[in-house]
Amino acid sequence: MFSSKAMLDGHGEESPYFQGWKEYEKNPYDDIQNPTGIIQMGLVEKQLSLDLLRTWLENNQDATRLTNNGESVFRDLALFQNYHGLPAFKNVLAEFMAEIRGNKVSFDSRKLVLMARATSASETLMFCIAEHGDAFLLPTPYYPGDLKWRTGVELVPIHCSSSNGFKITKFALEEAYQQAQKLSFNVKGVFITNPSNPLGTTMSHVKLDELITFSVAKKIHLISDEIFSGTVFENPSFISIIEAVINRKLETTNLWSRVHIVYSLSKDFGIPGFRVGMIYSNKERSTTTKMSSYGLISSQTQYLLSKLLSGKERRVMMVVGLGQAGISCLKGNAGLFC
């Protein structure tokens, strides 16, 4: 007999999105073997840079052989590692995050908390910020993830409309907050994806300022999922929530410790199978670090990626490589959407 939590239906696997996945797996399209099969259009996956990654790995054997200048580091990586992560990986990851934001902001690697996947990072933040039954506001449309299932939090939609390109408005923010209040939910924060998943658009300074003002007024957290921040191929450019807060000169206010970034290498580098995510927060990180021990990234993966991220010429090629195609739809400037 399983626990009541394990039997809950809140997991994303019960959503129409994953039901569609199951139907695809039963009848996948193949242009020769099964031309009437189902084409998978719901998977956000970048494959354009895999040849670059493969070539880099072939030319950088230290990374794949777990050696450093020809000397084996297998023993060091195979034995116990603390859950703070490898300093070499965290350092180059912090540098990379600054680089794809035009070095307009810098990141302290000591404030990075590594997790296996961005979803795990988001869930960990919710565990740390909210109690069971507390609520987060999310702009529509949003991906049917698994953030409610184990955390017990409530997700209240900020209703956005196609009439203005699904931009968040002050009215929609306040309406969502009041709706949560009517339901007796304690609102702990606003959770956004920027660049947007699934719209493929970036948020303007004006809209970020409105979110910041709202978060200050309500004394709540502001979480920005920025997993597509390195895949922006057209203006308007991407503005990180950290940059927007700094522009408002709010580093010495209470909001500074309530702003959090979620990031991953899965989308920008096209390596979701590596399961690499992280949290960046200006708040004291001991709590999130302790929680991260339930979803660590292997030392071998960190070592390989520390070598990869050190190769700047390949990195730039992969970050800008997507901007070659355009399909008529909602005009996007980021992500892997059309």
C-alpha atoms as a PDB file:
ATOM      1  CA  MET A   1       0.000   0.000   0.000  1.00  0.00           C
ATOM      2  CA  PHE A   2       1.469   3.357  -1.050  1.00  0.00           C
ATOM      3  CA  SER A   3       1.264   6.620   0.875  1.00  0.00           C
ATOM      4  CA  SER A   4      -1.439   9.147   0.099  1.00  0.00           C
ATOM      5  CA  LYS A   5       1.178  11.578  -1.272  1.00  0.00           C
ATOM      6  CA  ALA A   6       2.513   8.986  -3.716  1.00  0.00           C
ATOM      7  CA  MET A   7      -1.032   8.300  -4.901  1.00  0.00           C
ATOM      8  CA  LEU A   8      -1.921  11.961  -5.513  1.00  0.00           C
ATOM      9  CA  ASP A   9      -2.810  12.950  -9.073  1.00  0.00           C
ATOM     10  CA  GLY A  10      -0.860  16.221  -8.999  1.00  0.00           C
ATOM     11  CA  HIS A  11       2.178  14.909 -10.877  1.00  0.00           C
ATOM     12  CA  GLY A  12       2.645  16.343 -14.363  1.00  0.00           C
ATOM     13  CA  GLU A  13       2.518  12.842 -15.817  1.00  0.00           C
ATOM     14  CA  GLU A  14      -1.266  12.978 -15.456  1.00  0.00           C
ATOM     15  CA  SER A  15      -1.527  16.127 -17.605  1.00  0.00           C
ATOM     16  CA  PRO A  16      -2.710  16.120 -21.263  1.00  0.00           C
ATOM     17  CA  TYR A  17       0.890  16.876 -22.262  1.00  0.00           C
ATOM     18  CA  PHE A  18       2.202  13.576 -20.915  1.00  0.00           C
ATOM     19  CA  GLN A  19      -0.853  11.696 -22.116  1.00  0.00           C
ATOM     20  CA  GLY A  20       0.103  12.905 -25.583  1.00  0.00           C
ATOM     21  CA  TRP A  21       3.631  11.583 -24.970  1.00  0.00           C
ATOM     22  CA  LYS A  22       2.221   8.138 -24.237  1.00  0.00           C
ATOM     23  CA  GLU A  23       0.219   8.135 -27.448  1.00  0.00           C
ATOM     24  CA  TYR A  24       3.307   9.166 -29.415  1.00  0.00           C
ATOM     25  CA  GLU A  25       5.347   6.308 -27.909  1.00  0.00           C
ATOM     26  CA  LYS A  26       2.677   3.837 -29.049  1.00  0.00           C
ATOM     27  CA  ASN A  27       2.719   5.095 -32.631  1.00  0.00           C
ATOM     28  CA  PRO A  28       5.826   7.195 -33.479  1.00  0.00           C
ATOM     29  CA  TYR A  29       6.142   8.700 -36.935  1.00  0.00           C
ATOM     30  CA  ASP A  30       8.774   7.398 -39.342  1.00  0.00           C
ATOM     31  CA  ASP A  31       8.909   8.688 -42.919  1.00  0.00           C
ATOM     32  CA  ILE A  32       9.488   5.171 -44.251  1.00  0.00           C
ATOM     33  CA  GLN A  33       8.318   2.632 -41.670  1.00  0.00           C
ATOM     34  CA  ASN A  34       5.322   4.533 -40.268  1.00  0.00           C
ATOM     35  CA  PRO A  35       4.385   7.618 -42.351  1.00  0.00           C
ATOM     36  CA  THR A  36       0.935   7.845 -40.725  1.00  0.00           C
ATOM     37  CA  GLY A  37       2.330   7.847 -37.202  1.00  0.00           C
ATOM     38  CA  ILE A  38       2.308  10.643 -34.641  1.00  0.00           C
ATOM     39  CA  ILE A  39       4.865  13.454 -34.887  1.00  0.00           C
ATOM     40  CA  GLN A  40       6.200  14.655 -31.529  1.00  0.00           C
ATOM     41  CA  MET A  41       5.643  18.421 -31.470  1.00  0.00           C
ATOM     42  CA  GLY A  42       5.640  18.917 -27.698  1.00  0.00           C
ATOM     43  CA  LEU A  43       9.282  18.220 -26.873  1.00  0.00           C
ATOM     44  CA  VAL A  44      11.505  21.274 -26.408  1.00  0.00           C
ATOM     45  CA  GLU A  45      14.876  19.870 -27.409  1.00  0.00           C
ATOM     46  CA  LYS A  46      17.828  21.465 -29.165  1.00  0.00           C
ATOM     47  CA  GLN A  47      19.806  19.138 -31.425  1.00  0.00           C
ATOM     48  CA  LEU A  48      21.520  21.662 -33.695  1.00  0.00           C
ATOM     49  CA  SER A  49      24.653  21.831 -31.548  1.00  0.00           C
ATOM     50  CA  LEU A  50      25.207  18.118 -30.956  1.00  0.00           C
ATOM     51  CA  ASP A  51      27.722  17.874 -33.783  1.00  0.00           C
ATOM     52  CA  LEU A  52      29.739  20.701 -32.219  1.00  0.00           C
ATOM     53  CA  LEU A  53      29.632  18.988 -28.852  1.00  0.00           C
ATOM     54  CA  ARG A  54      30.682  15.668 -30.347  1.00  0.00           C
ATOM     55  CA  THR A  55      33.601  17.277 -32.184  1.00  0.00           C
ATOM     56  CA  TRP A  56      34.692  19.099 -29.035  1.00  0.00           C
ATOM     57  CA  LEU A  57      34.610  15.888 -27.005  1.00  0.00           C
ATOM     58  CA  GLU A  58      36.630  14.067 -29.655  1.00  0.00           C
ATOM     59  CA  ASN A  59      39.262  16.808 -29.527  1.00  0.00           C
ATOM     60  CA  ASN A  60      39.337  17.117 -25.735  1.00  0.00           C
ATOM     61  CA  GLN A  61      40.029  13.674 -24.401  1.00  0.00           C
ATOM     62  CA  ASP A  62      40.777  14.866 -20.857  1.00  0.00           C
ATOM     63  CA  ALA A  63      37.063  15.488 -20.388  1.00  0.00           C
ATOM     64  CA  THR A  64      35.852  12.072 -21.515  1.00  0.00           C
ATOM     65  CA  ARG A  65      38.738  10.033 -20.116  1.00  0.00           C
ATOM     66  CA  LEU A  66      38.560  11.795 -16.733  1.00  0.00           C
ATOM     67  CA  THR A  67      42.153  12.939 -16.926  1.00  0.00           C
ATOM     68  CA  ASN A  68      43.904  16.247 -16.337  1.00  0.00           C
ATOM     69  CA  ASN A  69      46.883  16.866 -18.607  1.00  0.00           C
ATOM     70  CA  GLY A  70      46.978  13.120 -19.208  1.00  0.00           C
ATOM     71  CA  GLU A  71      46.933  12.188 -15.513  1.00  0.00           C
ATOM     72  CA  SER A  72      43.905  10.236 -14.259  1.00  0.00           C
ATOM     73  CA  VAL A  73      41.540  12.027 -11.852  1.00  0.00           C
ATOM     74  CA  PHE A  74      39.190   9.046 -11.672  1.00  0.00           C
ATOM     75  CA  ARG A  75      39.945   8.311  -8.020  1.00  0.00           C
ATOM     76  CA  ASP A  76      39.276  11.902  -6.960  1.00  0.00           C
ATOM     77  CA  LEU A  77      35.940  11.942  -8.787  1.00  0.00           C
ATOM     78  CA  ALA A  78      34.836   8.450  -7.765  1.00  0.00           C
ATOM     79  CA  LEU A  79      35.249   8.981  -4.025  1.00  0.00           C
ATOM     80  CA  PHE A  80      32.861  10.956  -1.820  1.00  0.00           C
ATOM     81  CA  GLN A  81      32.250  14.583  -2.770  1.00  0.00           C
ATOM     82  CA  ASN A  82      30.398  17.069  -0.569  1.00  0.00           C
ATOM     83  CA  TYR A  83      27.174  18.432  -1.979  1.00  0.00           C
ATOM     84  CA  HIS A  84      28.473  21.958  -2.514  1.00  0.00           C
ATOM     85  CA  GLY A  85      29.709  20.851  -5.957  1.00  0.00           C
ATOM     86  CA  LEU A  86      33.094  21.005  -7.672  1.00  0.00           C
ATOM     87  CA  PRO A  87      34.537  24.547  -7.375  1.00  0.00           C
ATOM     88  CA  ALA A  88      35.986  24.380 -10.896  1.00  0.00           C
ATOM     89  CA  PHE A  89      32.544  23.677 -12.366  1.00  0.00           C
ATOM     90  CA  LYS A  90      30.765  26.319 -10.285  1.00  0.00           C
ATOM     91  CA  ASN A  91      33.350  28.940 -11.213  1.00  0.00           C
ATOM     92  CA  VAL A  92      33.039  28.441 -14.984  1.00  0.00           C
ATOM     93  CA  LEU A  93      29.254  28.145 -14.695  1.00  0.00           C
ATOM     94  CA  ALA A  94      29.088  31.518 -12.927  1.00  0.00           C
ATOM     95  CA  GLU A  95      31.315  33.033 -15.642  1.00  0.00           C
ATOM     96  CA  PHE A  96      29.145  31.540 -18.378  1.00  0.00           C
ATOM     97  CA  MET A  97      25.949  32.897 -16.806  1.00  0.00           C
ATOM     98  CA  ALA A  98      27.475  36.382 -16.759  1.00  0.00           C
ATOM     99  CA  GLU A  99      28.717  36.054 -20.340  1.00  0.00           C
ATOM    100  CA  ILE A 100      25.334  35.161 -21.842  1.00  0.00           C
ATOM    101  CA  ARG A 101      23.887  38.196 -20.040  1.00  0.00           C
ATOM    102  CA  GLY A 102      26.420  40.436 -21.748  1.00  0.00           C
ATOM    103  CA  ASN A 103      28.474  40.698 -18.536  1.00  0.00           C
ATOM    104  CA  LYS A 104      26.007  43.307 -17.318  1.00  0.00           C
ATOM    105  CA  VAL A 105      25.808  41.382 -14.056  1.00  0.00           C
ATOM    106  CA  SER A 106      28.239  39.112 -12.269  1.00  0.00           C
ATOM    107  CA  PHE A 107      27.557  35.951 -10.309  1.00  0.00           C
ATOM    108  CA  ASP A 108      29.230  34.694  -7.153  1.00  0.00           C
ATOM    109  CA  SER A 109      29.883  30.970  -7.578  1.00  0.00           C
ATOM    110  CA  ARG A 110      29.541  30.528  -3.817  1.00  0.00           C
ATOM    111  CA  LYS A 111      25.859  31.428  -4.158  1.00  0.00           C
ATOM    112  CA  LEU A 112      25.201  28.699  -6.736  1.00  0.00           C
ATOM    113  CA  VAL A 113      23.387  25.596  -5.507  1.00  0.00           C
ATOM    114  CA  LEU A 114      23.650  22.686  -7.960  1.00  0.00           C
ATOM    115  CA  MET A 115      20.703  20.386  -8.608  1.00  0.00           C
ATOM    116  CA  ALA A 116      19.811  17.591 -11.014  1.00  0.00           C
ATOM    117  CA  ARG A 117      17.455  19.452 -13.406  1.00  0.00           C
ATOM    118  CA  ALA A 118      15.818  22.866 -13.299  1.00  0.00           C
ATOM    119  CA  THR A 119      12.580  21.229 -12.113  1.00  0.00           C
ATOM    120  CA  SER A 120      14.356  19.946  -9.014  1.00  0.00           C
ATOM    121  CA  ALA A 121      15.802  23.404  -8.441  1.00  0.00           C
ATOM    122  CA  SER A 122      12.357  25.020  -8.689  1.00  0.00           C
ATOM    123  CA  GLU A 123      10.826  22.439  -6.370  1.00  0.00           C
ATOM    124  CA  THR A 124      13.632  22.891  -3.845  1.00  0.00           C
ATOM    125  CA  LEU A 125      13.051  26.647  -3.799  1.00  0.00           C
ATOM    126  CA  MET A 126       9.360  26.070  -3.120  1.00  0.00           C
ATOM    127  CA  PHE A 127      10.161  23.655  -0.303  1.00  0.00           C
ATOM    128  CA  CYS A 128      12.436  26.296   1.232  1.00  0.00           C
ATOM    129  CA  ILE A 129      10.118  29.274   0.772  1.00  0.00           C
ATOM    130  CA  ALA A 130       6.598  27.942   1.253  1.00  0.00           C
ATOM    131  CA  GLU A 131       4.542  25.847   3.631  1.00  0.00           C
ATOM    132  CA  HIS A 132       1.989  23.265   2.478  1.00  0.00           C
ATOM    133  CA  GLY A 133      -0.997  25.175   1.082  1.00  0.00           C
ATOM    134  CA  ASP A 134       0.899  28.415   0.339  1.00  0.00           C
ATOM    135  CA  ALA A 135       0.622  29.770  -3.195  1.00  0.00           C
ATOM    136  CA  PHE A 136       2.734  31.061  -6.086  1.00  0.00           C
ATOM    137  CA  LEU A 137       1.435  33.193  -8.949  1.00  0.00           C
ATOM    138  CA  LEU A 138       2.370  32.038 -12.486  1.00  0.00           C
ATOM    139  CA  PRO A 139       1.631  33.831 -15.780  1.00  0.00           C
ATOM    140  CA  THR A 140      -0.257  31.828 -18.406  1.00  0.00           C
ATOM    141  CA  PRO A 141       0.438  29.856 -20.482  1.00  0.00           C
ATOM    142  CA  TYR A 142       2.847  27.743 -18.479  1.00  0.00           C
ATOM    143  CA  TYR A 143       4.303  24.255 -18.690  1.00  0.00           C
ATOM    144  CA  PRO A 144       2.362  21.607 -16.709  1.00  0.00           C
ATOM    145  CA  GLY A 145       5.241  20.715 -14.427  1.00  0.00           C
ATOM    146  CA  ASP A 146       5.384  18.840 -11.156  1.00  0.00           C
ATOM    147  CA  LEU A 147       5.811  21.696  -8.683  1.00  0.00           C
ATOM    148  CA  LYS A 148       2.612  21.018  -6.735  1.00  0.00           C
ATOM    149  CA  TRP A 149       2.891  17.280  -6.287  1.00  0.00           C
ATOM    150  CA  ARG A 150       5.401  16.905  -3.443  1.00  0.00           C
ATOM    151  CA  THR A 151       5.536  20.486  -2.170  1.00  0.00           C
ATOM    152  CA  GLY A 152       1.806  20.828  -1.576  1.00  0.00           C
ATOM    153  CA  VAL A 153       1.855  24.429  -2.841  1.00  0.00           C
ATOM    154  CA  GLU A 154      -0.932  25.984  -4.870  1.00  0.00           C
ATOM    155  CA  LEU A 155      -0.354  27.556  -8.293  1.00  0.00           C
ATOM    156  CA  VAL A 156      -2.610  30.515  -9.092  1.00  0.00           C
ATOM    157  CA  PRO A 157      -2.619  31.626 -12.751  1.00  0.00           C
ATOM    158  CA  ILE A 158      -1.917  35.200 -13.787  1.00  0.00           C
ATOM    159  CA  HIS A 159      -4.217  35.307 -16.799  1.00  0.00           C
ATOM    160  CA  CYS A 160      -2.463  36.714 -19.868  1.00  0.00           C
ATOM    161  CA  SER A 161      -4.098  37.350 -23.238  1.00  0.00           C
ATOM    162  CA  SER A 162      -3.087  36.889 -26.857  1.00  0.00           C
ATOM    163  CA  SER A 163      -4.480  40.379 -27.513  1.00  0.00           C
ATOM    164  CA  ASN A 164      -1.248  41.924 -26.178  1.00  0.00           C
ATOM    165  CA  GLY A 165       1.131  39.062 -26.930  1.00  0.00           C
ATOM    166  CA  PHE A 166       0.570  37.381 -23.551  1.00  0.00           C
ATOM    167  CA  LYS A 167       2.293  40.182 -21.651  1.00  0.00           C
ATOM    168  CA  ILE A 168       1.736  40.371 -17.895  1.00  0.00           C
ATOM    169  CA  THR A 169      -0.319  43.397 -16.854  1.00  0.00           C
ATOM    170  CA  LYS A 170      -0.636  45.163 -13.499  1.00  0.00           C
ATOM    171  CA  PHE A 171      -4.345  44.333 -13.512  1.00  0.00           C
ATOM    172  CA  ALA A 172      -3.723  40.615 -14.113  1.00  0.00           C
ATOM    173  CA  LEU A 173      -1.144  40.510 -11.315  1.00  0.00           C
ATOM    174  CA  GLU A 174      -3.477  42.124  -8.808  1.00  0.00           C
ATOM    175  CA  GLU A 175      -6.404  40.004  -9.967  1.00  0.00           C
ATOM    176  CA  ALA A 176      -4.415  36.788  -9.412  1.00  0.00           C
ATOM    177  CA  TYR A 177      -3.302  37.985  -5.975  1.00  0.00           C
ATOM    178  CA  GLN A 178      -6.873  38.839  -4.969  1.00  0.00           C
ATOM    179  CA  GLN A 179      -8.093  35.473  -6.254  1.00  0.00           C
ATOM    180  CA  ALA A 180      -5.523  33.737  -4.059  1.00  0.00           C
ATOM    181  CA  GLN A 181      -6.671  35.804  -1.097  1.00  0.00           C
ATOM    182  CA  LYS A 182     -10.301  34.797  -1.704  1.00  0.00           C
ATOM    183  CA  LEU A 183      -9.195  31.156  -1.616  1.00  0.00           C
ATOM    184  CA  SER A 184      -7.386  31.839   1.684  1.00  0.00           C
ATOM    185  CA  PHE A 185      -3.992  31.120   0.119  1.00  0.00           C
ATOM    186  CA  ASN A 186      -0.897  32.782   1.543  1.00  0.00           C
ATOM    187  CA  VAL A 187       0.949  34.065  -1.536  1.00  0.00           C
ATOM    188  CA  LYS A 188       4.694  33.516  -1.166  1.00  0.00           C
ATOM    189  CA  GLY A 189       5.911  34.593  -4.574  1.00  0.00           C
ATOM    190  CA  VAL A 190       5.644  35.131  -8.317  1.00  0.00           C
ATOM    191  CA  PHE A 191       7.226  32.504 -10.556  1.00  0.00           C
ATOM    192  CA  ILE A 192       8.080  33.531 -14.129  1.00  0.00           C
ATOM    193  CA  THR A 193       9.979  31.990 -17.023  1.00  0.00           C
ATOM    194  CA  ASN A 194      12.106  34.504 -18.894  1.00  0.00           C
ATOM    195  CA  PRO A 195      12.638  33.848 -21.769  1.00  0.00           C
ATOM    196  CA  SER A 196       9.168  32.386 -21.721  1.00  0.00           C
ATOM    197  CA  ASN A 197       8.381  28.693 -21.864  1.00  0.00           C
ATOM    198  CA  PRO A 198       6.351  28.084 -24.076  1.00  0.00           C
ATOM    199  CA  LEU A 199       6.019  31.475 -25.806  1.00  0.00           C
ATOM    200  CA  GLY A 200       9.669  32.051 -26.739  1.00  0.00           C
ATOM    201  CA  THR A 201       9.538  35.759 -25.847  1.00  0.00           C
ATOM    202  CA  THR A 202      11.556  37.891 -23.454  1.00  0.00           C
ATOM    203  CA  MET A 203      10.253  40.329 -20.860  1.00  0.00           C
ATOM    204  CA  SER A 204      10.889  44.052 -21.238  1.00  0.00           C
ATOM    205  CA  HIS A 205      12.398  46.351 -18.622  1.00  0.00           C
ATOM    206  CA  VAL A 206       8.946  47.850 -18.091  1.00  0.00           C
ATOM    207  CA  LYS A 207       7.321  44.499 -17.336  1.00  0.00           C
ATOM    208  CA  LEU A 208      10.182  43.391 -15.083  1.00  0.00           C
ATOM    209  CA  ASP A 209       9.902  46.691 -13.203  1.00  0.00           C
ATOM    210  CA  GLU A 210       6.180  46.090 -12.714  1.00  0.00           C
ATOM    211  CA  LEU A 211       6.917  42.633 -11.275  1.00  0.00           C
ATOM    212  CA  ILE A 212       9.582  44.080  -8.992  1.00  0.00           C
ATOM    213  CA  THR A 213       7.261  46.830  -7.749  1.00  0.00           C
ATOM    214  CA  PHE A 214       4.517  44.258  -7.144  1.00  0.00           C
ATOM    215  CA  SER A 215       6.878  41.953  -5.243  1.00  0.00           C
ATOM    216  CA  VAL A 216       8.114  44.823  -3.077  1.00  0.00           C
ATOM    217  CA  ALA A 217       4.566  45.951  -2.296  1.00  0.00           C
ATOM    218  CA  LYS A 218       3.363  42.446  -1.403  1.00  0.00           C
ATOM    219  CA  LYS A 219       6.634  41.496   0.370  1.00  0.00           C
ATOM    220  CA  ILE A 220       6.880  38.248  -1.598  1.00  0.00           C
ATOM    221  CA  HIS A 221       9.588  36.300  -3.444  1.00  0.00           C
ATOM    222  CA  LEU A 222      10.345  36.651  -7.142  1.00  0.00           C
ATOM    223  CA  ILE A 223      11.622  33.528  -8.909  1.00  0.00           C
ATOM    224  CA  SER A 224      12.835  33.735 -12.505  1.00  0.00           C
ATOM    225  CA  ASP A 225      13.384  30.541 -14.488  1.00  0.00           C
ATOM    226  CA  GLU A 226      16.006  31.637 -17.042  1.00  0.00           C
ATOM    227  CA  ILE A 227      16.884  28.315 -18.676  1.00  0.00           C
ATOM    228  CA  PHE A 228      16.674  29.835 -22.177  1.00  0.00           C
ATOM    229  CA  SER A 229      18.817  32.883 -21.362  1.00  0.00           C
ATOM    230  CA  GLY A 230      21.607  31.717 -23.691  1.00  0.00           C
ATOM    231  CA  THR A 231      19.262  31.101 -26.614  1.00  0.00           C
ATOM    232  CA  VAL A 232      18.193  34.639 -27.547  1.00  0.00           C
ATOM    233  CA  PHE A 233      18.599  35.324 -31.243  1.00  0.00           C
ATOM    234  CA  GLU A 234      16.712  38.542 -31.948  1.00  0.00           C
ATOM    235  CA  ASN A 235      15.808  41.835 -30.304  1.00  0.00           C
ATOM    236  CA  PRO A 236      14.480  42.714 -27.801  1.00  0.00           C
ATOM    237  CA  SER A 237      17.400  41.293 -25.883  1.00  0.00           C
ATOM    238  CA  PHE A 238      17.133  39.264 -22.699  1.00  0.00           C
ATOM    239  CA  ILE A 239      17.204  41.059 -19.339  1.00  0.00           C
ATOM    240  CA  SER A 240      17.870  38.986 -16.257  1.00  0.00           C
ATOM    241  CA  ILE A 241      15.812  39.641 -13.150  1.00  0.00           C
ATOM    242  CA  ILE A 242      19.077  40.296 -11.268  1.00  0.00           C
ATOM    243  CA  GLU A 243      20.004  43.021 -13.758  1.00  0.00           C
ATOM    244  CA  ALA A 244      16.554  44.607 -13.426  1.00  0.00           C
ATOM    245  CA  VAL A 245      16.784  44.655  -9.628  1.00  0.00           C
ATOM    246  CA  ILE A 246      20.288  46.162  -9.735  1.00  0.00           C
ATOM    247  CA  ASN A 247      19.061  48.849 -12.158  1.00  0.00           C
ATOM    248  CA  ARG A 248      16.485  49.785  -9.533  1.00  0.00           C
ATOM    249  CA  LYS A 249      19.299  50.001  -6.926  1.00  0.00           C
ATOM    250  CA  LEU A 250      17.524  47.572  -4.612  1.00  0.00           C
ATOM    251  CA  GLU A 251      20.561  45.558  -3.491  1.00  0.00           C
ATOM    252  CA  THR A 252      20.286  46.829   0.092  1.00  0.00           C
ATOM    253  CA  THR A 253      16.542  46.248   0.403  1.00  0.00           C
ATOM    254  CA  ASN A 254      14.685  43.193   1.669  1.00  0.00           C
ATOM    255  CA  LEU A 255      13.737  42.261  -1.892  1.00  0.00           C
ATOM    256  CA  TRP A 256      17.378  41.445  -2.729  1.00  0.00           C
ATOM    257  CA  SER A 257      17.240  38.283  -0.601  1.00  0.00           C
ATOM    258  CA  ARG A 258      13.862  37.314  -2.114  1.00  0.00           C
ATOM    259  CA  VAL A 259      15.022  37.226  -5.753  1.00  0.00           C
ATOM    260  CA  HIS A 260      16.061  33.829  -7.118  1.00  0.00           C
ATOM    261  CA  ILE A 261      17.204  32.511 -10.501  1.00  0.00           C
ATOM    262  CA  VAL A 262      16.726  28.964 -11.750  1.00  0.00           C
ATOM    263  CA  TYR A 263      19.017  27.870 -14.573  1.00  0.00           C
ATOM    264  CA  SER A 264      20.008  24.710 -16.435  1.00  0.00           C
ATOM    265  CA  LEU A 265      22.311  23.679 -19.275  1.00  0.00           C
ATOM    266  CA  SER A 266      19.647  21.399 -20.774  1.00  0.00           C
ATOM    267  CA  LYS A 267      18.159  23.900 -23.233  1.00  0.00           C
ATOM    268  CA  ASP A 268      21.024  26.231 -24.171  1.00  0.00           C
ATOM    269  CA  PHE A 269      23.453  23.358 -24.728  1.00  0.00           C
ATOM    270  CA  GLY A 270      20.942  20.725 -25.805  1.00  0.00           C
ATOM    271  CA  ILE A 271      22.046  18.220 -23.145  1.00  0.00           C
ATOM    272  CA  PRO A 272      18.927  17.416 -21.078  1.00  0.00           C
ATOM    273  CA  GLY A 273      20.266  13.913 -20.477  1.00  0.00           C
ATOM    274  CA  PHE A 274      23.085  15.357 -18.351  1.00  0.00           C
ATOM    275  CA  ARG A 275      20.539  16.568 -15.770  1.00  0.00           C
ATOM    276  CA  VAL A 276      22.238  19.793 -14.720  1.00  0.00           C
ATOM    277  CA  GLY A 277      20.307  22.558 -12.952  1.00  0.00           C
ATOM    278  CA  MET A 278      21.007  25.192 -10.334  1.00  0.00           C
ATOM    279  CA  ILE A 279      19.647  27.886  -8.053  1.00  0.00           C
ATOM    280  CA  TYR A 280      21.193  31.322  -7.709  1.00  0.00           C
ATOM    281  CA  SER A 281      20.028  33.326  -4.737  1.00  0.00           C
ATOM    282  CA  ASN A 282      21.340  36.219  -2.718  1.00  0.00           C
ATOM    283  CA  LYS A 283      19.723  34.753   0.347  1.00  0.00           C
ATOM    284  CA  GLU A 284      21.889  32.719   2.750  1.00  0.00           C
ATOM    285  CA  ARG A 285      22.207  29.416   0.905  1.00  0.00           C
ATOM    286  CA  SER A 286      22.622  26.828   3.657  1.00  0.00           C
ATOM    287  CA  THR A 287      18.959  25.782   3.502  1.00  0.00           C
ATOM    288  CA  THR A 288      18.854  25.230  -0.260  1.00  0.00           C
ATOM    289  CA  THR A 289      22.252  23.524  -0.121  1.00  0.00           C
ATOM    290  CA  LYS A 290      20.991  21.035   2.455  1.00  0.00           C
ATOM    291  CA  MET A 291      17.907  20.351   0.335  1.00  0.00           C
ATOM    292  CA  SER A 292      20.075  19.834  -2.755  1.00  0.00           C
ATOM    293  CA  SER A 293      21.572  16.690  -1.213  1.00  0.00           C
ATOM    294  CA  TYR A 294      18.496  14.796  -2.474  1.00  0.00           C
ATOM    295  CA  GLY A 295      19.246  15.548  -6.121  1.00  0.00           C
ATOM    296  CA  LEU A 296      22.966  15.913  -6.752  1.00  0.00           C
ATOM    297  CA  ILE A 297      24.860  16.065 -10.040  1.00  0.00           C
ATOM    298  CA  SER A 298      27.565  13.400 -10.379  1.00  0.00           C
ATOM    299  CA  SER A 299      31.162  14.538  -9.993  1.00  0.00           C
ATOM    300  CA  GLN A 300      31.999  13.019 -13.382  1.00  0.00           C
ATOM    301  CA  THR A 301      29.334  15.135 -15.081  1.00  0.00           C
ATOM    302  CA  GLN A 302      30.552  18.273 -13.314  1.00  0.00           C
ATOM    303  CA  TYR A 303      34.146  17.560 -14.351  1.00  0.00           C
ATOM    304  CA  LEU A 304      33.268  17.030 -18.007  1.00  0.00           C
ATOM    305  CA  LEU A 305      31.137  20.178 -18.153  1.00  0.00           C
ATOM    306  CA  SER A 306      33.777  22.271 -16.378  1.00  0.00           C
ATOM    307  CA  LYS A 307      36.122  21.389 -19.251  1.00  0.00           C
ATOM    308  CA  LEU A 308      33.429  22.109 -21.836  1.00  0.00           C
ATOM    309  CA  LEU A 309      32.483  25.496 -20.405  1.00  0.00           C
ATOM    310  CA  SER A 310      36.150  26.487 -20.349  1.00  0.00           C
ATOM    311  CA  GLY A 311      36.228  26.304 -24.170  1.00  0.00           C
ATOM    312  CA  LYS A 312      34.874  29.760 -24.979  1.00  0.00           C
ATOM    313  CA  GLU A 313      35.107  29.549 -28.770  1.00  0.00           C
ATOM    314  CA  ARG A 314      32.828  26.483 -28.831  1.00  0.00           C
ATOM    315  CA  ARG A 315      30.546  27.996 -26.249  1.00  0.00           C
ATOM    316  CA  VAL A 316      29.813  31.085 -28.332  1.00  0.00           C
ATOM    317  CA  MET A 317      29.095  28.944 -31.400  1.00  0.00           C
ATOM    318  CA  MET A 318      26.550  26.872 -29.506  1.00  0.00           C
ATOM    319  CA  VAL A 319      24.813  29.827 -27.874  1.00  0.00           C
ATOM    320  CA  VAL A 320      24.203  31.735 -31.138  1.00  0.00           C
ATOM    321  CA  GLY A 321      23.718  28.704 -33.400  1.00  0.00           C
ATOM    322  CA  LEU A 322      19.902  28.584 -33.212  1.00  0.00           C
ATOM    323  CA  GLY A 323      19.213  31.923 -34.864  1.00  0.00           C
ATOM    324  CA  GLN A 324      19.171  30.550 -38.400  1.00  0.00           C
ATOM    325  CA  ALA A 325      15.479  29.692 -38.805  1.00  0.00           C
ATOM    326  CA  GLY A 326      12.176  31.612 -38.676  1.00  0.00           C
ATOM    327  CA  ILE A 327       8.593  30.318 -38.752  1.00  0.00           C
ATOM    328  CA  SER A 328       5.543  32.587 -38.934  1.00  0.00           C
ATOM    329  CA  CYS A 329       3.866  32.510 -35.500  1.00  0.00           C
ATOM    330  CA  LEU A 330       3.871  34.523 -32.294  1.00  0.00           C
ATOM    331  CA  LYS A 331       7.030  36.547 -32.814  1.00  0.00           C
ATOM    332  CA  GLY A 332       9.661  35.105 -30.521  1.00  0.00           C
ATOM    333  CA  ASN A 333      13.208  36.145 -29.852  1.00  0.00           C
ATOM    334  CA  ALA A 334      14.386  33.390 -27.537  1.00  0.00           C
ATOM    335  CA  GLY A 335      14.143  29.732 -26.623  1.00  0.00           C
ATOM    336  CA  LEU A 336      13.377  26.799 -28.907  1.00  0.00           C
ATOM    337  CA  PHE A 337       9.764  27.639 -29.671  1.00  0.00           C
ATOM    338  CA  CYS A 338       7.779  28.599 -32.732  1.00  0.00           C
END
